[in-house]
């Protein structure tokens, strides 16, 4: 199963469990549903952002290289400080 499909499945399962908790008045099911649903939404958003970055780097490899080099210089500077 792909990551996006799994994230959507977890999101749907969390929403269902949260609704069951609301209907039955079970705070435990509400909390478990929310705990399952929101990380799935965040995972889906991160995967979309990563796909966007990959597409941008494929379209403009020089820009991607410049950004990576800049980040490398900044990290090197921060780690090299005493």
PDB file of N, CA and C in Angstrom:
ATOM      1  N   UNK A   1       0.847  -1.171   0.000  1.00  0.00           N
ATOM      2  CA  UNK A   1       0.000   0.000   0.000  1.00  0.00           C
ATOM      3  C   UNK A   1       0.896   1.239   0.000  1.00  0.00           C
ATOM      4  N   UNK A   2       0.537   2.238  -0.790  1.00  0.00           N
ATOM      5  CA  UNK A   2       1.356   3.441  -0.848  1.00  0.00           C
ATOM      6  C   UNK A   2       1.175   4.266   0.420  1.00  0.00           C
ATOM      7  N   UNK A   3       2.129   5.151   0.649  1.00  0.00           N
ATOM      8  CA  UNK A   3       2.078   5.980   1.857  1.00  0.00           C
ATOM      9  C   UNK A   3       0.849   6.887   1.872  1.00  0.00           C
ATOM     10  N   UNK A   4       0.516   7.455   0.700  1.00  0.00           N
ATOM     11  CA  UNK A   4      -0.645   8.350   0.650  1.00  0.00           C
ATOM     12  C   UNK A   4      -1.939   7.593   0.924  1.00  0.00           C
ATOM     13  N   UNK A   5      -2.052   6.413   0.354  1.00  0.00           N
ATOM     14  CA  UNK A   5      -3.264   5.618   0.574  1.00  0.00           C
ATOM     15  C   UNK A   5      -3.373   5.207   2.038  1.00  0.00           C
ATOM     16  N   UNK A   6      -2.244   4.844   2.633  1.00  0.00           N
ATOM     17  CA  UNK A   6      -2.248   4.457   4.045  1.00  0.00           C
ATOM     18  C   UNK A   6      -2.606   5.645   4.934  1.00  0.00           C
ATOM     19  N   UNK A   7      -2.097   6.830   4.595  1.00  0.00           N
ATOM     20  CA  UNK A   7      -2.419   8.025   5.379  1.00  0.00           C
ATOM     21  C   UNK A   7      -3.909   8.345   5.279  1.00  0.00           C
ATOM     22  N   UNK A   8      -4.464   8.231   4.079  1.00  0.00           N
ATOM     23  CA  UNK A   8      -5.898   8.484   3.901  1.00  0.00           C
ATOM     24  C   UNK A   8      -6.735   7.453   4.661  1.00  0.00           C
ATOM     25  N   UNK A   9      -6.293   6.203   4.644  1.00  0.00           N
ATOM     26  CA  UNK A   9      -7.007   5.152   5.364  1.00  0.00           C
ATOM     27  C   UNK A   9      -6.977   5.412   6.868  1.00  0.00           C
ATOM     28  N   UNK A  10      -5.818   5.792   7.399  1.00  0.00           N
ATOM     29  CA  UNK A  10      -5.712   6.114   8.826  1.00  0.00           C
ATOM     30  C   UNK A  10      -6.560   7.328   9.184  1.00  0.00           C
ATOM     31  N   UNK A  11      -6.591   8.308   8.288  1.00  0.00           N
ATOM     32  CA  UNK A  11      -7.402   9.504   8.535  1.00  0.00           C
ATOM     33  C   UNK A  11      -8.883   9.134   8.607  1.00  0.00           C
ATOM     34  N   UNK A  12      -9.336   8.309   7.664  1.00  0.00           N
ATOM     35  CA  UNK A  12     -10.741   7.894   7.655  1.00  0.00           C
ATOM     36  C   UNK A  12     -11.073   7.043   8.880  1.00  0.00           C
ATOM     37  N   UNK A  13     -10.180   6.130   9.226  1.00  0.00           N
ATOM     38  CA  UNK A  13     -10.417   5.279  10.398  1.00  0.00           C
ATOM     39  C   UNK A  13     -10.457   6.115  11.673  1.00  0.00           C
ATOM     40  N   UNK A  14      -9.589   7.105  11.758  1.00  0.00           N
ATOM     41  CA  UNK A  14      -9.591   7.984  12.926  1.00  0.00           C
ATOM     42  C   UNK A  14     -10.865   8.799  13.021  1.00  0.00           C
ATOM     43  N   UNK A  15     -11.336   9.288  11.867  1.00  0.00           N
ATOM     44  CA  UNK A  15     -12.577  10.063  11.863  1.00  0.00           C
ATOM     45  C   UNK A  15     -13.758   9.198  12.295  1.00  0.00           C
ATOM     46  N   UNK A  16     -13.799   7.955  11.817  1.00  0.00           N
ATOM     47  CA  UNK A  16     -14.881   7.041  12.200  1.00  0.00           C
ATOM     48  C   UNK A  16     -14.826   6.753  13.695  1.00  0.00           C
ATOM     49  N   UNK A  17     -13.628   6.460  14.195  1.00  0.00           N
ATOM     50  CA  UNK A  17     -13.497   6.151  15.624  1.00  0.00           C
ATOM     51  C   UNK A  17     -13.866   7.362  16.481  1.00  0.00           C
ATOM     52  N   UNK A  18     -13.496   8.546  16.012  1.00  0.00           N
ATOM     53  CA  UNK A  18     -13.842   9.764  16.751  1.00  0.00           C
ATOM     54  C   UNK A  18     -15.359   9.967  16.775  1.00  0.00           C
ATOM     55  N   UNK A  19     -16.029   9.719  15.640  1.00  0.00           N
ATOM     56  CA  UNK A  19     -17.493   9.850  15.576  1.00  0.00           C
ATOM     57  C   UNK A  19     -18.175   8.825  16.482  1.00  0.00           C
ATOM     58  N   UNK A  20     -17.662   7.603  16.494  1.00  0.00           N
ATOM     59  CA  UNK A  20     -18.228   6.576  17.384  1.00  0.00           C
ATOM     60  C   UNK A  20     -18.105   7.031  18.832  1.00  0.00           C
ATOM     61  N   UNK A  21     -16.977   7.627  19.160  1.00  0.00           N
ATOM     62  CA  UNK A  21     -16.786   8.150  20.510  1.00  0.00           C
ATOM     63  C   UNK A  21     -17.772   9.249  20.844  1.00  0.00           C
ATOM     64  N   UNK A  22     -18.078  10.107  19.851  1.00  0.00           N
ATOM     65  CA  UNK A  22     -19.062  11.172  20.079  1.00  0.00           C
ATOM     66  C   UNK A  22     -20.453  10.579  20.290  1.00  0.00           C
ATOM     67  N   UNK A  23     -20.815   9.592  19.470  1.00  0.00           N
ATOM     68  CA  UNK A  23     -22.147   8.992  19.566  1.00  0.00           C
ATOM     69  C   UNK A  23     -22.339   8.241  20.874  1.00  0.00           C
ATOM     70  N   UNK A  24     -21.300   7.550  21.318  1.00  0.00           N
ATOM     71  CA  UNK A  24     -21.426   6.751  22.539  1.00  0.00           C
ATOM     72  C   UNK A  24     -21.042   7.534  23.790  1.00  0.00           C
ATOM     73  N   UNK A  25     -20.470   8.706  23.609  1.00  0.00           N
ATOM     74  CA  UNK A  25     -20.032   9.504  24.750  1.00  0.00           C
ATOM     75  C   UNK A  25     -18.718   9.010  25.339  1.00  0.00           C
ATOM     76  N   UNK A  26     -18.005   8.213  24.585  1.00  0.00           N
ATOM     77  CA  UNK A  26     -16.742   7.643  25.063  1.00  0.00           C
ATOM     78  C   UNK A  26     -15.586   8.585  24.736  1.00  0.00           C
ATOM     79  N   UNK A  27     -15.050   9.212  25.758  1.00  0.00           N
ATOM     80  CA  UNK A  27     -13.904  10.107  25.547  1.00  0.00           C
ATOM     81  C   UNK A  27     -12.676   9.333  25.068  1.00  0.00           C
ATOM     82  N   UNK A  28     -12.591   8.073  25.487  1.00  0.00           N
ATOM     83  CA  UNK A  28     -11.459   7.236  25.081  1.00  0.00           C
ATOM     84  C   UNK A  28     -11.441   7.066  23.558  1.00  0.00           C
ATOM     85  N   UNK A  29     -12.595   6.755  22.974  1.00  0.00           N
ATOM     86  CA  UNK A  29     -12.663   6.586  21.526  1.00  0.00           C
ATOM     87  C   UNK A  29     -12.460   7.914  20.799  1.00  0.00           C
ATOM     88  N   UNK A  30     -12.966   8.991  21.377  1.00  0.00           N
ATOM     89  CA  UNK A  30     -12.753  10.301  20.763  1.00  0.00           C
ATOM     90  C   UNK A  30     -11.265  10.631  20.708  1.00  0.00           C
ATOM     91  N   UNK A  31     -10.576  10.406  21.812  1.00  0.00           N
ATOM     92  CA  UNK A  31      -9.145  10.718  21.876  1.00  0.00           C
ATOM     93  C   UNK A  31      -8.339   9.812  20.945  1.00  0.00           C
ATOM     94  N   UNK A  32      -8.681   8.517  20.936  1.00  0.00           N
ATOM     95  CA  UNK A  32      -7.961   7.594  20.063  1.00  0.00           C
ATOM     96  C   UNK A  32      -8.192   7.937  18.594  1.00  0.00           C
ATOM     97  N   UNK A  33      -9.416   8.333  18.260  1.00  0.00           N
ATOM     98  CA  UNK A  33      -9.722   8.711  16.879  1.00  0.00           C
ATOM     99  C   UNK A  33      -8.971   9.953  16.453  1.00  0.00           C
ATOM    100  N   UNK A  34      -8.947  10.949  17.338  1.00  0.00           N
ATOM    101  CA  UNK A  34      -8.222  12.180  17.019  1.00  0.00           C
ATOM    102  C   UNK A  34      -6.724  11.916  16.917  1.00  0.00           C
ATOM    103  N   UNK A  35      -6.216  11.073  17.807  1.00  0.00           N
ATOM    104  CA  UNK A  35      -4.783  10.758  17.785  1.00  0.00           C
ATOM    105  C   UNK A  35      -4.402  10.006  16.516  1.00  0.00           C
ATOM    106  N   UNK A  36      -5.335   9.301  15.947  1.00  0.00           N
ATOM    107  CA  UNK A  36      -5.059   8.554  14.719  1.00  0.00           C
ATOM    108  C   UNK A  36      -5.273   9.420  13.480  1.00  0.00           C
ATOM    109  N   UNK A  37      -6.218  10.342  13.565  1.00  0.00           N
ATOM    110  CA  UNK A  37      -6.594  11.134  12.400  1.00  0.00           C
ATOM    111  C   UNK A  37      -5.613  12.255  12.091  1.00  0.00           C
ATOM    112  N   UNK A  38      -5.222  13.025  13.101  1.00  0.00           N
ATOM    113  CA  UNK A  38      -4.421  14.215  12.831  1.00  0.00           C
ATOM    114  C   UNK A  38      -3.002  13.919  12.355  1.00  0.00           C
ATOM    115  N   UNK A  39      -2.317  12.905  12.881  1.00  0.00           N
ATOM    116  CA  UNK A  39      -1.006  12.582  12.299  1.00  0.00           C
ATOM    117  C   UNK A  39      -1.114  12.132  10.843  1.00  0.00           C
ATOM    118  N   UNK A  40      -2.212  11.466  10.492  1.00  0.00           N
ATOM    119  CA  UNK A  40      -2.405  11.047   9.108  1.00  0.00           C
ATOM    120  C   UNK A  40      -2.543  12.267   8.208  1.00  0.00           C
ATOM    121  N   UNK A  41      -3.269  13.288   8.668  1.00  0.00           N
ATOM    122  CA  UNK A  41      -3.401  14.515   7.891  1.00  0.00           C
ATOM    123  C   UNK A  41      -2.054  15.211   7.744  1.00  0.00           C
ATOM    124  N   UNK A  42      -1.286  15.258   8.812  1.00  0.00           N
ATOM    125  CA  UNK A  42       0.030  15.893   8.760  1.00  0.00           C
ATOM    126  C   UNK A  42       0.955  15.120   7.825  1.00  0.00           C
ATOM    127  N   UNK A  43       0.886  13.799   7.884  1.00  0.00           N
ATOM    128  CA  UNK A  43       1.713  12.966   7.013  1.00  0.00           C
ATOM    129  C   UNK A  43       1.367  13.224   5.552  1.00  0.00           C
ATOM    130  N   UNK A  44       0.093  13.345   5.253  1.00  0.00           N
ATOM    131  CA  UNK A  44      -0.344  13.603   3.886  1.00  0.00           C
ATOM    132  C   UNK A  44       0.157  14.966   3.408  1.00  0.00           C
ATOM    133  N   UNK A  45       0.102  15.969   4.275  1.00  0.00           N
ATOM    134  CA  UNK A  45       0.577  17.302   3.904  1.00  0.00           C
ATOM    135  C   UNK A  45       2.081  17.307   3.670  1.00  0.00           C
ATOM    136  N   UNK A  46       2.833  16.594   4.498  1.00  0.00           N
ATOM    137  CA  UNK A  46       4.289  16.522   4.334  1.00  0.00           C
ATOM    138  C   UNK A  46       4.636  15.802   3.035  1.00  0.00           C
ATOM    139  N   UNK A  47       3.910  14.741   2.720  1.00  0.00           N
ATOM    140  CA  UNK A  47       4.172  14.016   1.477  1.00  0.00           C
ATOM    141  C   UNK A  47       3.882  14.887   0.262  1.00  0.00           C
ATOM    142  N   UNK A  48       2.815  15.683   0.317  1.00  0.00           N
ATOM    143  CA  UNK A  48       2.519  16.601  -0.781  1.00  0.00           C
ATOM    144  C   UNK A  48       3.613  17.649  -0.932  1.00  0.00           C
ATOM    145  N   UNK A  49       4.101  18.176   0.192  1.00  0.00           N
ATOM    146  CA  UNK A  49       5.178  19.166   0.140  1.00  0.00           C
ATOM    147  C   UNK A  49       6.448  18.550  -0.434  1.00  0.00           C
ATOM    148  N   UNK A  50       6.757  17.322  -0.042  1.00  0.00           N
ATOM    149  CA  UNK A  50       7.947  16.643  -0.567  1.00  0.00           C
ATOM    150  C   UNK A  50       7.816  16.411  -2.068  1.00  0.00           C
ATOM    151  N   UNK A  51       6.630  16.026  -2.520  1.00  0.00           N
ATOM    152  CA  UNK A  51       6.408  15.847  -3.953  1.00  0.00           C
ATOM    153  C   UNK A  51       6.600  17.157  -4.705  1.00  0.00           C
ATOM    154  N   UNK A  52       6.150  18.250  -4.109  1.00  0.00           N
ATOM    155  CA  UNK A  52       6.307  19.571  -4.721  1.00  0.00           C
ATOM    156  C   UNK A  52       7.783  19.950  -4.828  1.00  0.00           C
ATOM    157  N   UNK A  53       8.553  19.669  -3.781  1.00  0.00           N
ATOM    158  CA  UNK A  53       9.986  19.974  -3.794  1.00  0.00           C
ATOM    159  C   UNK A  53      10.695  19.142  -4.855  1.00  0.00           C
ATOM    160  N   UNK A  54      10.357  17.865  -4.942  1.00  0.00           N
ATOM    161  CA  UNK A  54      10.979  16.994  -5.945  1.00  0.00           C
ATOM    162  C   UNK A  54      10.684  17.513  -7.345  1.00  0.00           C
ATOM    163  N   UNK A  55       9.450  17.923  -7.590  1.00  0.00           N
ATOM    164  CA  UNK A  55       9.082  18.453  -8.906  1.00  0.00           C
ATOM    165  C   UNK A  55       9.847  19.738  -9.207  1.00  0.00           C
ATOM    166  N   UNK A  56       9.966  20.612  -8.210  1.00  0.00           N
ATOM    167  CA  UNK A  56      10.685  21.868  -8.410  1.00  0.00           C
ATOM    168  C   UNK A  56      12.157  21.628  -8.717  1.00  0.00           C
ATOM    169  N   UNK A  57      12.772  20.683  -8.023  1.00  0.00           N
ATOM    170  CA  UNK A  57      14.187  20.390  -8.256  1.00  0.00           C
ATOM    171  C   UNK A  57      14.382  19.760  -9.628  1.00  0.00           C
ATOM    172  N   UNK A  58      13.446  18.927 -10.045  1.00  0.00           N
ATOM    173  CA  UNK A  58      13.554  18.338 -11.388  1.00  0.00           C
ATOM    174  C   UNK A  58      13.405  19.406 -12.460  1.00  0.00           C
ATOM    175  N   UNK A  59      12.528  20.380 -12.231  1.00  0.00           N
ATOM    176  CA  UNK A  59      12.328  21.448 -13.207  1.00  0.00           C
ATOM    177  C   UNK A  59      13.498  22.425 -13.228  1.00  0.00           C
ATOM    178  N   UNK A  60      14.083  22.725 -12.063  1.00  0.00           N
ATOM    179  CA  UNK A  60      15.182  23.690 -11.941  1.00  0.00           C
ATOM    180  C   UNK A  60      16.296  23.101 -11.082  1.00  0.00           C
ATOM    181  N   UNK A  61      17.135  22.238 -11.650  1.00  0.00           N
ATOM    182  CA  UNK A  61      18.163  21.594 -10.834  1.00  0.00           C
ATOM    183  C   UNK A  61      19.207  22.573 -10.288  1.00  0.00           C
ATOM    184  N   UNK A  62      19.487  23.644 -11.001  1.00  0.00           N
ATOM    185  CA  UNK A  62      20.485  24.612 -10.523  1.00  0.00           C
ATOM    186  C   UNK A  62      20.002  25.295  -9.247  1.00  0.00           C
ATOM    187  N   UNK A  63      18.741  25.619  -9.189  1.00  0.00           N
ATOM    188  CA  UNK A  63      18.180  26.244  -7.993  1.00  0.00           C
ATOM    189  C   UNK A  63      18.226  25.278  -6.815  1.00  0.00           C
ATOM    190  N   UNK A  64      17.892  24.023  -7.064  1.00  0.00           N
ATOM    191  CA  UNK A  64      17.958  23.016  -6.009  1.00  0.00           C
ATOM    192  C   UNK A  64      19.367  22.838  -5.485  1.00  0.00           C
ATOM    193  N   UNK A  65      20.338  22.864  -6.383  1.00  0.00           N
ATOM    194  CA  UNK A  65      21.737  22.743  -5.980  1.00  0.00           C
ATOM    195  C   UNK A  65      22.174  23.950  -5.160  1.00  0.00           C
ATOM    196  N   UNK A  66      21.741  25.143  -5.565  1.00  0.00           N
ATOM    197  CA  UNK A  66      22.092  26.362  -4.823  1.00  0.00           C
ATOM    198  C   UNK A  66      21.494  26.341  -3.415  1.00  0.00           C
ATOM    199  N   UNK A  67      20.268  25.905  -3.293  1.00  0.00           N
ATOM    200  CA  UNK A  67      19.626  25.833  -1.977  1.00  0.00           C
ATOM    201  C   UNK A  67      20.338  24.808  -1.100  1.00  0.00           C
ATOM    202  N   UNK A  68      20.664  23.646  -1.665  1.00  0.00           N
ATOM    203  CA  UNK A  68      21.358  22.608  -0.896  1.00  0.00           C
ATOM    204  C   UNK A  68      22.732  23.093  -0.449  1.00  0.00           C
ATOM    205  N   UNK A  69      23.446  23.787  -1.329  1.00  0.00           N
ATOM    206  CA  UNK A  69      24.767  24.310  -0.969  1.00  0.00           C
ATOM    207  C   UNK A  69      24.653  25.358   0.131  1.00  0.00           C
ATOM    208  N   UNK A  70      23.661  26.222   0.027  1.00  0.00           N
ATOM    209  CA  UNK A  70      23.459  27.253   1.054  1.00  0.00           C
ATOM    210  C   UNK A  70      23.165  26.627   2.410  1.00  0.00           C
ATOM    211  N   UNK A  71      22.299  25.632   2.417  1.00  0.00           N
ATOM    212  CA  UNK A  71      21.990  24.950   3.676  1.00  0.00           C
ATOM    213  C   UNK A  71      23.221  24.250   4.238  1.00  0.00           C
ATOM    214  N   UNK A  72      24.031  23.674   3.369  1.00  0.00           N
ATOM    215  CA  UNK A  72      25.261  23.025   3.813  1.00  0.00           C
ATOM    216  C   UNK A  72      26.226  24.007   4.446  1.00  0.00           C
ATOM    217  N   UNK A  73      26.345  25.187   3.863  1.00  0.00           N
ATOM    218  CA  UNK A  73      27.225  26.222   4.414  1.00  0.00           C
ATOM    219  C   UNK A  73      26.710  26.687   5.773  1.00  0.00           C
ATOM    220  N   UNK A  74      25.412  26.898   5.874  1.00  0.00           N
ATOM    221  CA  UNK A  74      24.828  27.359   7.145  1.00  0.00           C
ATOM    222  C   UNK A  74      25.011  26.311   8.236  1.00  0.00           C
ATOM    223  N   UNK A  75      24.725  25.053   7.920  1.00  0.00           N
ATOM    224  CA  UNK A  75      24.892  23.984   8.913  1.00  0.00           C
ATOM    225  C   UNK A  75      26.357  23.845   9.303  1.00  0.00           C
ATOM    226  N   UNK A  76      27.254  23.929   8.325  1.00  0.00           N
ATOM    227  CA  UNK A  76      28.688  23.856   8.623  1.00  0.00           C
ATOM    228  C   UNK A  76      29.141  24.996   9.508  1.00  0.00           C
ATOM    229  N   UNK A  77      28.630  26.183   9.247  1.00  0.00           N
ATOM    230  CA  UNK A  77      28.978  27.343  10.069  1.00  0.00           C
ATOM    231  C   UNK A  77      28.487  27.157  11.504  1.00  0.00           C
ATOM    232  N   UNK A  78      27.249  26.700  11.653  1.00  0.00           N
ATOM    233  CA  UNK A  78      26.689  26.514  12.997  1.00  0.00           C
ATOM    234  C   UNK A  78      27.395  25.403  13.768  1.00  0.00           C
ATOM    235  N   UNK A  79      27.744  24.329  13.088  1.00  0.00           N
ATOM    236  CA  UNK A  79      28.428  23.229  13.765  1.00  0.00           C
ATOM    237  C   UNK A  79      29.893  23.547  14.047  1.00  0.00           C
ATOM    238  N   UNK A  80      30.475  24.433  13.254  1.00  0.00           N
ATOM    239  CA  UNK A  80      31.884  24.772  13.430  1.00  0.00           C
ATOM    240  C   UNK A  80      32.134  25.803  14.510  1.00  0.00           C
ATOM    241  N   UNK A  81      31.087  26.438  14.995  1.00  0.00           N
ATOM    242  CA  UNK A  81      31.256  27.450  16.055  1.00  0.00           C
ATOM    243  C   UNK A  81      31.600  26.786  17.371  1.00  0.00           C
ATOM    244  N   UNK A  82      32.426  27.470  18.141  1.00  0.00           N
ATOM    245  CA  UNK A  82      32.808  26.917  19.454  1.00  0.00           C
ATOM    246  C   UNK A  82      32.374  27.825  20.560  1.00  0.00           C
TER     247      UNK A  82
END
